[in-house]
Amino acid sequence: MTQTKDAIVADLTRRLRPVCSEWTEEEFAEMVAHLADITMKYQSRLSVETYDRRSTDRLVDELKAALAESRAKRTEDR
């Protein structure tokens, strides 16, 4: 499930603020924004919504064809 950047920032702020209590607000906000950007980038790459089964099916078909060709060549060589 992909979260919005605001939700990620809120979650990071809640979890990290106690640990970074000595950081200035500006430094902390910049760090959290950067972490949220990174999270969004990788979250979108891992999203199930971007999965295209056709590419997997195509790969399986290519592997089956290669296996069949290999078997046929081995039979010819005998």
PDB file of N, CA and C in Angstrom:
ATOM      1  N   MET A   1       0.847  -1.181   0.000  1.00  0.00           N
ATOM      2  CA  MET A   1       0.000   0.000   0.000  1.00  0.00           C
ATOM      3  C   MET A   1       0.891   1.242   0.000  1.00  0.00           C
ATOM      4  N   THR A   2       0.629   2.150  -0.914  1.00  0.00           N
ATOM      5  CA  THR A   2       1.414   3.362  -1.032  1.00  0.00           C
ATOM      6  C   THR A   2       0.821   4.451  -0.142  1.00  0.00           C
ATOM      7  N   GLN A   3       1.678   5.049   0.675  1.00  0.00           N
ATOM      8  CA  GLN A   3       1.240   6.124   1.558  1.00  0.00           C
ATOM      9  C   GLN A   3       1.514   7.466   0.897  1.00  0.00           C
ATOM     10  N   THR A   4       0.782   8.482   1.322  1.00  0.00           N
ATOM     11  CA  THR A   4       1.066   9.827   0.843  1.00  0.00           C
ATOM     12  C   THR A   4       2.297  10.352   1.558  1.00  0.00           C
ATOM     13  N   LYS A   5       2.937  11.348   0.957  1.00  0.00           N
ATOM     14  CA  LYS A   5       4.133  11.907   1.576  1.00  0.00           C
ATOM     15  C   LYS A   5       3.795  12.508   2.942  1.00  0.00           C
ATOM     16  N   ASP A   6       2.644  13.170   3.050  1.00  0.00           N
ATOM     17  CA  ASP A   6       2.245  13.759   4.338  1.00  0.00           C
ATOM     18  C   ASP A   6       2.132  12.696   5.429  1.00  0.00           C
ATOM     19  N   ALA A   7       1.567  11.546   5.072  1.00  0.00           N
ATOM     20  CA  ALA A   7       1.424  10.460   6.045  1.00  0.00           C
ATOM     21  C   ALA A   7       2.794   9.916   6.456  1.00  0.00           C
ATOM     22  N   ILE A   8       3.704   9.806   5.483  1.00  0.00           N
ATOM     23  CA  ILE A   8       5.050   9.317   5.786  1.00  0.00           C
ATOM     24  C   ILE A   8       5.777  10.307   6.689  1.00  0.00           C
ATOM     25  N   VAL A   9       5.673  11.598   6.373  1.00  0.00           N
ATOM     26  CA  VAL A   9       6.315  12.635   7.194  1.00  0.00           C
ATOM     27  C   VAL A   9       5.773  12.588   8.616  1.00  0.00           C
ATOM     28  N   ALA A  10       4.459  12.463   8.752  1.00  0.00           N
ATOM     29  CA  ALA A  10       3.850  12.419  10.082  1.00  0.00           C
ATOM     30  C   ALA A  10       4.351  11.205  10.867  1.00  0.00           C
ATOM     31  N   ASP A  11       4.429  10.059  10.206  1.00  0.00           N
ATOM     32  CA  ASP A  11       4.895   8.845  10.872  1.00  0.00           C
ATOM     33  C   ASP A  11       6.365   8.969  11.277  1.00  0.00           C
ATOM     34  N   LEU A  12       7.200   9.450  10.360  1.00  0.00           N
ATOM     35  CA  LEU A  12       8.622   9.623  10.675  1.00  0.00           C
ATOM     36  C   LEU A  12       8.819  10.623  11.810  1.00  0.00           C
ATOM     37  N   THR A  13       8.069  11.706  11.771  1.00  0.00           N
ATOM     38  CA  THR A  13       8.176  12.729  12.814  1.00  0.00           C
ATOM     39  C   THR A  13       7.825  12.135  14.176  1.00  0.00           C
ATOM     40  N   ARG A  14       6.735  11.404  14.225  1.00  0.00           N
ATOM     41  CA  ARG A  14       6.293  10.783  15.480  1.00  0.00           C
ATOM     42  C   ARG A  14       7.347   9.828  16.017  1.00  0.00           C
ATOM     43  N   ARG A  15       7.951   9.040  15.132  1.00  0.00           N
ATOM     44  CA  ARG A  15       8.913   8.027  15.568  1.00  0.00           C
ATOM     45  C   ARG A  15      10.300   8.585  15.856  1.00  0.00           C
ATOM     46  N   LEU A  16      10.714   9.597  15.105  1.00  0.00           N
ATOM     47  CA  LEU A  16      12.099  10.066  15.223  1.00  0.00           C
ATOM     48  C   LEU A  16      12.301  11.293  16.101  1.00  0.00           C
ATOM     49  N   ARG A  17      11.259  12.086  16.304  1.00  0.00           N
ATOM     50  CA  ARG A  17      11.442  13.330  17.069  1.00  0.00           C
ATOM     51  C   ARG A  17      12.010  13.078  18.467  1.00  0.00           C
ATOM     52  N   PRO A  18      11.528  12.062  19.191  1.00  0.00           N
ATOM     53  CA  PRO A  18      12.088  11.830  20.529  1.00  0.00           C
ATOM     54  C   PRO A  18      13.592  11.517  20.491  1.00  0.00           C
ATOM     55  N   VAL A  19      14.023  10.830  19.466  1.00  0.00           N
ATOM     56  CA  VAL A  19      15.427  10.456  19.346  1.00  0.00           C
ATOM     57  C   VAL A  19      16.284  11.653  18.913  1.00  0.00           C
ATOM     58  N   CYS A  20      15.681  12.564  18.185  1.00  0.00           N
ATOM     59  CA  CYS A  20      16.412  13.722  17.641  1.00  0.00           C
ATOM     60  C   CYS A  20      16.002  15.014  18.356  1.00  0.00           C
ATOM     61  N   SER A  21      15.728  14.922  19.619  1.00  0.00           N
ATOM     62  CA  SER A  21      15.200  16.076  20.366  1.00  0.00           C
ATOM     63  C   SER A  21      16.162  17.268  20.397  1.00  0.00           C
ATOM     64  N   GLU A  22      17.444  17.024  20.230  1.00  0.00           N
ATOM     65  CA  GLU A  22      18.408  18.121  20.259  1.00  0.00           C
ATOM     66  C   GLU A  22      18.604  18.780  18.891  1.00  0.00           C
ATOM     67  N   TRP A  23      18.017  18.229  17.853  1.00  0.00           N
ATOM     68  CA  TRP A  23      18.132  18.801  16.515  1.00  0.00           C
ATOM     69  C   TRP A  23      17.260  20.056  16.436  1.00  0.00           C
ATOM     70  N   THR A  24      17.696  21.027  15.649  1.00  0.00           N
ATOM     71  CA  THR A  24      16.841  22.197  15.425  1.00  0.00           C
ATOM     72  C   THR A  24      15.650  21.763  14.588  1.00  0.00           C
ATOM     73  N   GLU A  25      14.586  22.529  14.666  1.00  0.00           N
ATOM     74  CA  GLU A  25      13.388  22.196  13.883  1.00  0.00           C
ATOM     75  C   GLU A  25      13.705  22.156  12.389  1.00  0.00           C
ATOM     76  N   GLU A  26      14.531  23.095  11.943  1.00  0.00           N
ATOM     77  CA  GLU A  26      14.893  23.166  10.524  1.00  0.00           C
ATOM     78  C   GLU A  26      15.675  21.926  10.084  1.00  0.00           C
ATOM     79  N   GLU A  27      16.674  21.531  10.854  1.00  0.00           N
ATOM     80  CA  GLU A  27      17.466  20.341  10.529  1.00  0.00           C
ATOM     81  C   GLU A  27      16.593  19.083  10.537  1.00  0.00           C
ATOM     82  N   PHE A  28      15.752  18.984  11.543  1.00  0.00           N
ATOM     83  CA  PHE A  28      14.894  17.814  11.671  1.00  0.00           C
ATOM     84  C   PHE A  28      13.908  17.730  10.500  1.00  0.00           C
ATOM     85  N   ALA A  29      13.278  18.853  10.164  1.00  0.00           N
ATOM     86  CA  ALA A  29      12.306  18.875   9.064  1.00  0.00           C
ATOM     87  C   ALA A  29      12.971  18.514   7.742  1.00  0.00           C
ATOM     88  N   GLU A  30      14.187  19.006   7.528  1.00  0.00           N
ATOM     89  CA  GLU A  30      14.917  18.697   6.297  1.00  0.00           C
ATOM     90  C   GLU A  30      15.242  17.209   6.217  1.00  0.00           C
ATOM     91  N   MET A  31      15.697  16.638   7.330  1.00  0.00           N
ATOM     92  CA  MET A  31      16.037  15.220   7.373  1.00  0.00           C
ATOM     93  C   MET A  31      14.793  14.355   7.137  1.00  0.00           C
ATOM     94  N   VAL A  32      13.696  14.692   7.787  1.00  0.00           N
ATOM     95  CA  VAL A  32      12.455  13.925   7.637  1.00  0.00           C
ATOM     96  C   VAL A  32      11.934  14.015   6.202  1.00  0.00           C
ATOM     97  N   ALA A  33      11.997  15.198   5.604  1.00  0.00           N
ATOM     98  CA  ALA A  33      11.548  15.364   4.218  1.00  0.00           C
ATOM     99  C   ALA A  33      12.390  14.505   3.277  1.00  0.00           C
ATOM    100  N   HIS A  34      13.692  14.476   3.524  1.00  0.00           N
ATOM    101  CA  HIS A  34      14.578  13.662   2.699  1.00  0.00           C
ATOM    102  C   HIS A  34      14.254  12.166   2.856  1.00  0.00           C
ATOM    103  N   LEU A  35      14.058  11.719   4.084  1.00  0.00           N
ATOM    104  CA  LEU A  35      13.690  10.323   4.320  1.00  0.00           C
ATOM    105  C   LEU A  35      12.343   9.978   3.677  1.00  0.00           C
ATOM    106  N   ALA A  36      11.414  10.913   3.736  1.00  0.00           N
ATOM    107  CA  ALA A  36      10.098  10.682   3.119  1.00  0.00           C
ATOM    108  C   ALA A  36      10.233  10.551   1.603  1.00  0.00           C
ATOM    109  N   ASP A  37      11.083  11.387   0.995  1.00  0.00           N
ATOM    110  CA  ASP A  37      11.308  11.294  -0.452  1.00  0.00           C
ATOM    111  C   ASP A  37      11.888   9.936  -0.824  1.00  0.00           C
ATOM    112  N   ILE A  38      12.857   9.483  -0.057  1.00  0.00           N
ATOM    113  CA  ILE A  38      13.468   8.174  -0.310  1.00  0.00           C
ATOM    114  C   ILE A  38      12.439   7.065  -0.145  1.00  0.00           C
ATOM    115  N   THR A  39      11.643   7.148   0.908  1.00  0.00           N
ATOM    116  CA  THR A  39      10.600   6.145   1.150  1.00  0.00           C
ATOM    117  C   THR A  39       9.616   6.103  -0.007  1.00  0.00           C
ATOM    118  N   MET A  40       9.186   7.272  -0.475  1.00  0.00           N
ATOM    119  CA  MET A  40       8.243   7.333  -1.599  1.00  0.00           C
ATOM    120  C   MET A  40       8.854   6.719  -2.860  1.00  0.00           C
ATOM    121  N   LYS A  41      10.111   7.008  -3.109  1.00  0.00           N
ATOM    122  CA  LYS A  41      10.790   6.493  -4.301  1.00  0.00           C
ATOM    123  C   LYS A  41      10.801   4.967  -4.303  1.00  0.00           C
ATOM    124  N   TYR A  42      11.227   4.376  -3.208  1.00  0.00           N
ATOM    125  CA  TYR A  42      11.338   2.924  -3.158  1.00  0.00           C
ATOM    126  C   TYR A  42       9.994   2.240  -2.944  1.00  0.00           C
ATOM    127  N   GLN A  43       9.096   2.922  -2.281  1.00  0.00           N
ATOM    128  CA  GLN A  43       7.751   2.370  -2.087  1.00  0.00           C
ATOM    129  C   GLN A  43       7.060   2.229  -3.438  1.00  0.00           C
ATOM    130  N   SER A  44       7.240   3.216  -4.319  1.00  0.00           N
ATOM    131  CA  SER A  44       6.590   3.156  -5.624  1.00  0.00           C
ATOM    132  C   SER A  44       7.207   2.063  -6.492  1.00  0.00           C
ATOM    133  N   ARG A  45       8.507   1.792  -6.324  1.00  0.00           N
ATOM    134  CA  ARG A  45       9.147   0.720  -7.082  1.00  0.00           C
ATOM    135  C   ARG A  45       8.648  -0.646  -6.653  1.00  0.00           C
ATOM    136  N   LEU A  46       8.271  -0.776  -5.409  1.00  0.00           N
ATOM    137  CA  LEU A  46       7.843  -2.061  -4.878  1.00  0.00           C
ATOM    138  C   LEU A  46       6.333  -2.249  -4.920  1.00  0.00           C
ATOM    139  N   SER A  47       5.649  -1.265  -5.422  1.00  0.00           N
ATOM    140  CA  SER A  47       4.195  -1.298  -5.428  1.00  0.00           C
ATOM    141  C   SER A  47       3.661  -2.447  -6.278  1.00  0.00           C
ATOM    142  N   VAL A  48       2.709  -3.162  -5.749  1.00  0.00           N
ATOM    143  CA  VAL A  48       2.080  -4.265  -6.474  1.00  0.00           C
ATOM    144  C   VAL A  48       1.335  -3.730  -7.693  1.00  0.00           C
ATOM    145  N   GLU A  49       0.891  -2.498  -7.625  1.00  0.00           N
ATOM    146  CA  GLU A  49       0.135  -1.921  -8.722  1.00  0.00           C
ATOM    147  C   GLU A  49       0.948  -1.859 -10.003  1.00  0.00           C
ATOM    148  N   THR A  50       2.277  -1.803  -9.923  1.00  0.00           N
ATOM    149  CA  THR A  50       3.109  -1.693 -11.111  1.00  0.00           C
ATOM    150  C   THR A  50       3.500  -3.061 -11.669  1.00  0.00           C
ATOM    151  N   TYR A  51       3.113  -4.130 -11.020  1.00  0.00           N
ATOM    152  CA  TYR A  51       3.455  -5.475 -11.472  1.00  0.00           C
ATOM    153  C   TYR A  51       2.675  -5.820 -12.725  1.00  0.00           C
ATOM    154  N   ASP A  52       3.386  -6.259 -13.738  1.00  0.00           N
ATOM    155  CA  ASP A  52       2.751  -6.642 -15.003  1.00  0.00           C
ATOM    156  C   ASP A  52       3.003  -8.129 -15.230  1.00  0.00           C
ATOM    157  N   ARG A  53       2.005  -8.913 -15.041  1.00  0.00           N
ATOM    158  CA  ARG A  53       2.139 -10.367 -15.154  1.00  0.00           C
ATOM    159  C   ARG A  53       2.540 -10.796 -16.555  1.00  0.00           C
ATOM    160  N   ARG A  54       2.202  -9.993 -17.558  1.00  0.00           N
ATOM    161  CA  ARG A  54       2.527 -10.377 -18.933  1.00  0.00           C
ATOM    162  C   ARG A  54       4.024 -10.563 -19.134  1.00  0.00           C
ATOM    163  N   SER A  55       4.839  -9.728 -18.486  1.00  0.00           N
ATOM    164  CA  SER A  55       6.287  -9.876 -18.647  1.00  0.00           C
ATOM    165  C   SER A  55       6.767 -11.185 -18.032  1.00  0.00           C
ATOM    166  N   THR A  56       6.180 -11.596 -16.928  1.00  0.00           N
ATOM    167  CA  THR A  56       6.532 -12.881 -16.313  1.00  0.00           C
ATOM    168  C   THR A  56       6.092 -14.029 -17.211  1.00  0.00           C
ATOM    169  N   ASP A  57       4.885 -13.942 -17.736  1.00  0.00           N
ATOM    170  CA  ASP A  57       4.384 -14.985 -18.634  1.00  0.00           C
ATOM    171  C   ASP A  57       5.260 -15.103 -19.877  1.00  0.00           C
ATOM    172  N   ARG A  58       5.681 -13.972 -20.405  1.00  0.00           N
ATOM    173  CA  ARG A  58       6.547 -13.957 -21.586  1.00  0.00           C
ATOM    174  C   ARG A  58       7.886 -14.640 -21.271  1.00  0.00           C
ATOM    175  N   LEU A  59       8.453 -14.349 -20.118  1.00  0.00           N
ATOM    176  CA  LEU A  59       9.709 -14.957 -19.703  1.00  0.00           C
ATOM    177  C   LEU A  59       9.559 -16.472 -19.553  1.00  0.00           C
ATOM    178  N   VAL A  60       8.479 -16.907 -18.947  1.00  0.00           N
ATOM    179  CA  VAL A  60       8.232 -18.344 -18.781  1.00  0.00           C
ATOM    180  C   VAL A  60       8.108 -19.011 -20.149  1.00  0.00           C
ATOM    181  N   ASP A  61       7.400 -18.369 -21.071  1.00  0.00           N
ATOM    182  CA  ASP A  61       7.260 -18.924 -22.423  1.00  0.00           C
ATOM    183  C   ASP A  61       8.612 -19.030 -23.120  1.00  0.00           C
ATOM    184  N   GLU A  62       9.459 -18.018 -22.966  1.00  0.00           N
ATOM    185  CA  GLU A  62      10.794 -18.037 -23.571  1.00  0.00           C
ATOM    186  C   GLU A  62      11.647 -19.158 -22.965  1.00  0.00           C
ATOM    187  N   LEU A  63      11.550 -19.352 -21.659  1.00  0.00           N
ATOM    188  CA  LEU A  63      12.311 -20.422 -21.011  1.00  0.00           C
ATOM    189  C   LEU A  63      11.833 -21.800 -21.461  1.00  0.00           C
ATOM    190  N   LYS A  64      10.525 -21.961 -21.619  1.00  0.00           N
ATOM    191  CA  LYS A  64       9.984 -23.234 -22.095  1.00  0.00           C
ATOM    192  C   LYS A  64      10.456 -23.513 -23.522  1.00  0.00           C
ATOM    193  N   ALA A  65      10.470 -22.486 -24.360  1.00  0.00           N
ATOM    194  CA  ALA A  65      10.927 -22.638 -25.744  1.00  0.00           C
ATOM    195  C   ALA A  65      12.408 -23.011 -25.777  1.00  0.00           C
ATOM    196  N   ALA A  66      13.210 -22.383 -24.931  1.00  0.00           N
ATOM    197  CA  ALA A  66      14.635 -22.695 -24.877  1.00  0.00           C
ATOM    198  C   ALA A  66      14.854 -24.127 -24.409  1.00  0.00           C
ATOM    199  N   LEU A  67      14.076 -24.559 -23.434  1.00  0.00           N
ATOM    200  CA  LEU A  67      14.177 -25.931 -22.946  1.00  0.00           C
ATOM    201  C   LEU A  67      13.808 -26.922 -24.046  1.00  0.00           C
ATOM    202  N   ALA A  68      12.740 -26.650 -24.765  1.00  0.00           N
ATOM    203  CA  ALA A  68      12.316 -27.536 -25.848  1.00  0.00           C
ATOM    204  C   ALA A  68      13.377 -27.587 -26.939  1.00  0.00           C
ATOM    205  N   GLU A  69      13.965 -26.454 -27.285  1.00  0.00           N
ATOM    206  CA  GLU A  69      15.023 -26.410 -28.295  1.00  0.00           C
ATOM    207  C   GLU A  69      16.239 -27.203 -27.829  1.00  0.00           C
ATOM    208  N   SER A  70      16.596 -27.057 -26.567  1.00  0.00           N
ATOM    209  CA  SER A  70      17.736 -27.786 -26.012  1.00  0.00           C
ATOM    210  C   SER A  70      17.499 -29.289 -26.062  1.00  0.00           C
ATOM    211  N   ARG A  71      16.302 -29.703 -25.703  1.00  0.00           N
ATOM    212  CA  ARG A  71      15.968 -31.132 -25.740  1.00  0.00           C
ATOM    213  C   ARG A  71      16.021 -31.671 -27.164  1.00  0.00           C
ATOM    214  N   ALA A  72      15.513 -30.871 -28.109  1.00  0.00           N
ATOM    215  CA  ALA A  72      15.514 -31.304 -29.510  1.00  0.00           C
ATOM    216  C   ALA A  72      16.950 -31.445 -30.021  1.00  0.00           C
ATOM    217  N   LYS A  73      17.819 -30.527 -29.673  1.00  0.00           N
ATOM    218  CA  LYS A  73      19.216 -30.595 -30.106  1.00  0.00           C
ATOM    219  C   LYS A  73      19.909 -31.815 -29.504  1.00  0.00           C
ATOM    220  N   ARG A  74      19.652 -32.093 -28.242  1.00  0.00           N
ATOM    221  CA  ARG A  74      20.269 -33.265 -27.602  1.00  0.00           C
ATOM    222  C   ARG A  74      19.805 -34.550 -28.255  1.00  0.00           C
ATOM    223  N   THR A  75      18.540 -34.583 -28.673  1.00  0.00           N
ATOM    224  CA  THR A  75      18.004 -35.771 -29.337  1.00  0.00           C
ATOM    225  C   THR A  75      18.671 -35.945 -30.706  1.00  0.00           C
ATOM    226  N   GLU A  76      18.882 -34.839 -31.428  1.00  0.00           N
ATOM    227  CA  GLU A  76      19.541 -34.885 -32.733  1.00  0.00           C
ATOM    228  C   GLU A  76      20.982 -35.363 -32.613  1.00  0.00           C
ATOM    229  N   ASP A  77      21.662 -34.953 -31.551  1.00  0.00           N
ATOM    230  CA  ASP A  77      23.078 -35.275 -31.370  1.00  0.00           C
ATOM    231  C   ASP A  77      23.321 -36.723 -30.983  1.00  0.00           C
ATOM    232  N   ARG A  78      22.300 -37.435 -30.604  1.00  0.00           N
ATOM    233  CA  ARG A  78      22.479 -38.827 -30.163  1.00  0.00           C
ATOM    234  C   ARG A  78      22.642 -39.755 -31.306  1.00  0.00           C
TER     235      ARG A  78
END
